[in-house]
Every structure is written in structure tokens, then in C-alpha cells.
């Protein structure tokens, strides 16, 4: 589910910089739904990595997610001021491809 969620958004994200205004809204909605579809699975996976610390893992997960989103928004705003919003769109369209790093997640079935 995690693979589908993260890498499933990649084709839509790669098309986003080339879309007109109407398609940008549609693609943004589709990308958001696909990425959000595995949020609970990712949270449960993180909780299984550290059993007995459900609250701690949940708090860290949500805190890190919102904190990193705030920092990312500030950084992308600064980059947009210097290089333009089109550059930011092109750079962000490749970010879902970082989902390939999920290959390095531990396999819990072996434990």
C-alpha cells in the first residue's frame, strides 16, 4: 500500500507543471488523495517498528510531518522568490520519486 500511494502519485505529479489551470486543480486533488491513502498504513507501520510506544510514535509522526511541511513551505517560498514559481513546480514534480527509498524500509514479516 505504501508503494502504491507514494509512487502512484508520481505520474500525476510529473504532469503537473505542464497542465493548465483547470487540470492543475484536478491533478492536485488526485495527487493529494493518492498520497493520503496510505497515511494510516504508514503510521501503523511506524508503530510496529517500536512496539509499546504507540503514543510516542504517533506524536513524533504528526509533529515531524507538520514541522517538516512548515519548513518545506518556507524553503520552497524562498526558492520561488529567487528562481520563480515555475522552477519550484518542476522541482516538486520529481519529489514523489523519492518514494523509491521505501525499498529500504525493514521487512516486518521476517521478525
C-alpha atoms as a PDB file:
ATOM      1  CA  UNK A   1       0.000   0.000   0.000  1.00  0.00           C
ATOM      2  CA  UNK A   2       2.856   2.380   0.800  1.00  0.00           C
ATOM      3  CA  UNK A   3       4.473   1.756  -2.590  1.00  0.00           C
ATOM      4  CA  UNK A   4       1.198   2.360  -4.429  1.00  0.00           C
ATOM      5  CA  UNK A   5       0.490   5.524  -2.503  1.00  0.00           C
ATOM      6  CA  UNK A   6       3.844   7.185  -2.939  1.00  0.00           C
ATOM      7  CA  UNK A   7       4.812   6.007  -6.414  1.00  0.00           C
ATOM      8  CA  UNK A   8       1.221   6.122  -7.692  1.00  0.00           C
ATOM      9  CA  UNK A   9       1.251   9.897  -7.380  1.00  0.00           C
ATOM     10  CA  UNK A  10       4.479  10.243  -9.398  1.00  0.00           C
ATOM     11  CA  UNK A  11       2.976  10.215 -12.927  1.00  0.00           C
ATOM     12  CA  UNK A  12       0.385  12.810 -11.967  1.00  0.00           C
ATOM     13  CA  UNK A  13       3.000  14.964 -10.238  1.00  0.00           C
ATOM     14  CA  UNK A  14       5.290  14.791 -13.270  1.00  0.00           C
ATOM     15  CA  UNK A  15       2.425  16.013 -15.470  1.00  0.00           C
ATOM     16  CA  UNK A  16       1.523  18.872 -13.107  1.00  0.00           C
ATOM     17  CA  UNK A  17       3.996  21.526 -14.382  1.00  0.00           C
ATOM     18  CA  UNK A  18       2.663  21.117 -17.916  1.00  0.00           C
ATOM     19  CA  UNK A  19      -1.045  21.338 -17.048  1.00  0.00           C
ATOM     20  CA  UNK A  20      -3.295  24.352 -17.480  1.00  0.00           C
ATOM     21  CA  UNK A  21      -5.190  25.883 -14.559  1.00  0.00           C
ATOM     22  CA  UNK A  22      -8.202  23.546 -14.726  1.00  0.00           C
ATOM     23  CA  UNK A  23      -6.041  20.424 -14.926  1.00  0.00           C
ATOM     24  CA  UNK A  24      -3.796  21.721 -12.140  1.00  0.00           C
ATOM     25  CA  UNK A  25      -6.746  21.640  -9.749  1.00  0.00           C
ATOM     26  CA  UNK A  26      -7.783  18.172 -10.864  1.00  0.00           C
ATOM     27  CA  UNK A  27      -4.244  16.779 -10.719  1.00  0.00           C
ATOM     28  CA  UNK A  28      -3.640  18.346  -7.299  1.00  0.00           C
ATOM     29  CA  UNK A  29      -6.792  16.678  -5.973  1.00  0.00           C
ATOM     30  CA  UNK A  30      -5.807  13.280  -7.411  1.00  0.00           C
ATOM     31  CA  UNK A  31      -2.239  13.564  -6.098  1.00  0.00           C
ATOM     32  CA  UNK A  32      -3.489  14.526  -2.634  1.00  0.00           C
ATOM     33  CA  UNK A  33      -5.944  11.619  -2.499  1.00  0.00           C
ATOM     34  CA  UNK A  34      -3.335   9.100  -3.614  1.00  0.00           C
ATOM     35  CA  UNK A  35      -0.730  10.343  -1.133  1.00  0.00           C
ATOM     36  CA  UNK A  36      -3.230  10.468   1.736  1.00  0.00           C
ATOM     37  CA  UNK A  37      -4.493   6.950   1.042  1.00  0.00           C
ATOM     38  CA  UNK A  38      -1.561   5.291   2.800  1.00  0.00           C
ATOM     39  CA  UNK A  39      -1.187   7.704   5.699  1.00  0.00           C
ATOM     40  CA  UNK A  40      -2.771   5.334   8.206  1.00  0.00           C
ATOM     41  CA  UNK A  41      -0.768   2.366   6.867  1.00  0.00           C
ATOM     42  CA  UNK A  42       2.466   4.326   7.234  1.00  0.00           C
ATOM     43  CA  UNK A  43       1.535   5.327  10.782  1.00  0.00           C
ATOM     44  CA  UNK A  44       0.739   1.729  11.771  1.00  0.00           C
ATOM     45  CA  UNK A  45       3.992   0.557  10.170  1.00  0.00           C
ATOM     46  CA  UNK A  46       5.901   3.113  12.242  1.00  0.00           C
ATOM     47  CA  UNK A  47       4.078   1.961  15.401  1.00  0.00           C
ATOM     48  CA  UNK A  48       5.031  -1.660  14.692  1.00  0.00           C
ATOM     49  CA  UNK A  49       8.690  -0.678  14.448  1.00  0.00           C
ATOM     50  CA  UNK A  50       8.615   0.478  18.088  1.00  0.00           C
ATOM     51  CA  UNK A  51       6.049  -1.699  19.897  1.00  0.00           C
ATOM     52  CA  UNK A  52       4.624  -0.398  23.158  1.00  0.00           C
ATOM     53  CA  UNK A  53       5.244   3.241  22.262  1.00  0.00           C
ATOM     54  CA  UNK A  54       2.115   3.937  20.213  1.00  0.00           C
ATOM     55  CA  UNK A  55       1.560   7.437  21.596  1.00  0.00           C
ATOM     56  CA  UNK A  56       5.185   8.433  21.257  1.00  0.00           C
ATOM     57  CA  UNK A  57       5.400   7.231  17.667  1.00  0.00           C
ATOM     58  CA  UNK A  58       2.111   8.916  16.747  1.00  0.00           C
ATOM     59  CA  UNK A  59       3.170  12.195  18.319  1.00  0.00           C
ATOM     60  CA  UNK A  60       6.541  12.112  16.617  1.00  0.00           C
ATOM     61  CA  UNK A  61       4.968  11.187  13.302  1.00  0.00           C
ATOM     62  CA  UNK A  62       2.428  14.007  13.336  1.00  0.00           C
ATOM     63  CA  UNK A  63       4.849  16.522  14.814  1.00  0.00           C
ATOM     64  CA  UNK A  64       7.547  15.706  12.302  1.00  0.00           C
ATOM     65  CA  UNK A  65       5.080  15.708   9.409  1.00  0.00           C
ATOM     66  CA  UNK A  66       3.652  19.136  10.208  1.00  0.00           C
ATOM     67  CA  UNK A  67       7.022  20.563  11.226  1.00  0.00           C
ATOM     68  CA  UNK A  68       8.740  19.411   8.053  1.00  0.00           C
ATOM     69  CA  UNK A  69       5.814  20.684   5.978  1.00  0.00           C
ATOM     70  CA  UNK A  70       6.193  24.131   7.535  1.00  0.00           C
ATOM     71  CA  UNK A  71       9.933  24.184   6.944  1.00  0.00           C
ATOM     72  CA  UNK A  72       9.431  22.899   3.397  1.00  0.00           C
ATOM     73  CA  UNK A  73       6.878  25.622   2.652  1.00  0.00           C
ATOM     74  CA  UNK A  74       9.284  28.295   3.856  1.00  0.00           C
ATOM     75  CA  UNK A  75      12.184  26.867   1.834  1.00  0.00           C
ATOM     76  CA  UNK A  76      10.073  26.492  -1.307  1.00  0.00           C
ATOM     77  CA  UNK A  77       8.788  30.050  -0.883  1.00  0.00           C
ATOM     78  CA  UNK A  78      12.353  31.314  -0.677  1.00  0.00           C
ATOM     79  CA  UNK A  79      13.338  29.283  -3.751  1.00  0.00           C
ATOM     80  CA  UNK A  80      10.289  30.636  -5.616  1.00  0.00           C
ATOM     81  CA  UNK A  81      11.323  34.194  -4.736  1.00  0.00           C
ATOM     82  CA  UNK A  82      14.782  33.623  -6.198  1.00  0.00           C
ATOM     83  CA  UNK A  83      14.116  31.353  -9.190  1.00  0.00           C
ATOM     84  CA  UNK A  84      10.375  31.657  -9.881  1.00  0.00           C
ATOM     85  CA  UNK A  85       7.330  29.533  -9.200  1.00  0.00           C
ATOM     86  CA  UNK A  86       7.756  27.556 -12.436  1.00  0.00           C
ATOM     87  CA  UNK A  87      11.121  26.281 -11.227  1.00  0.00           C
ATOM     88  CA  UNK A  88       9.536  25.190  -7.934  1.00  0.00           C
ATOM     89  CA  UNK A  89       6.768  23.363  -9.833  1.00  0.00           C
ATOM     90  CA  UNK A  90       9.349  21.468 -11.869  1.00  0.00           C
ATOM     91  CA  UNK A  91      11.436  20.558  -8.812  1.00  0.00           C
ATOM     92  CA  UNK A  92       8.401  19.471  -6.772  1.00  0.00           C
ATOM     93  CA  UNK A  93       7.096  17.313  -9.606  1.00  0.00           C
ATOM     94  CA  UNK A  94      10.026  14.958  -9.001  1.00  0.00           C
ATOM     95  CA  UNK A  95       9.587  14.714  -5.211  1.00  0.00           C
ATOM     96  CA  UNK A  96       7.206  11.705  -5.294  1.00  0.00           C
ATOM     97  CA  UNK A  97      10.008   9.738  -6.943  1.00  0.00           C
ATOM     98  CA  UNK A  98      11.732   9.842  -3.562  1.00  0.00           C
ATOM     99  CA  UNK A  99       9.219   7.116  -2.728  1.00  0.00           C
ATOM    100  CA  UNK A 100      11.696   4.688  -4.253  1.00  0.00           C
ATOM    101  CA  UNK A 101      13.531   4.982  -0.929  1.00  0.00           C
ATOM    102  CA  UNK A 102      10.735   2.897   0.622  1.00  0.00           C
ATOM    103  CA  UNK A 103      12.675  -0.091  -0.696  1.00  0.00           C
ATOM    104  CA  UNK A 104      14.964   0.399   2.302  1.00  0.00           C
ATOM    105  CA  UNK A 105      12.155   0.004   4.859  1.00  0.00           C
ATOM    106  CA  UNK A 106      12.589  -3.077   7.050  1.00  0.00           C
ATOM    107  CA  UNK A 107      10.537  -6.175   6.270  1.00  0.00           C
ATOM    108  CA  UNK A 108       8.438  -6.884   9.367  1.00  0.00           C
ATOM    109  CA  UNK A 109       7.376 -10.313   8.101  1.00  0.00           C
ATOM    110  CA  UNK A 110      10.836 -11.732   8.813  1.00  0.00           C
ATOM    111  CA  UNK A 111      10.647 -10.980  12.533  1.00  0.00           C
END
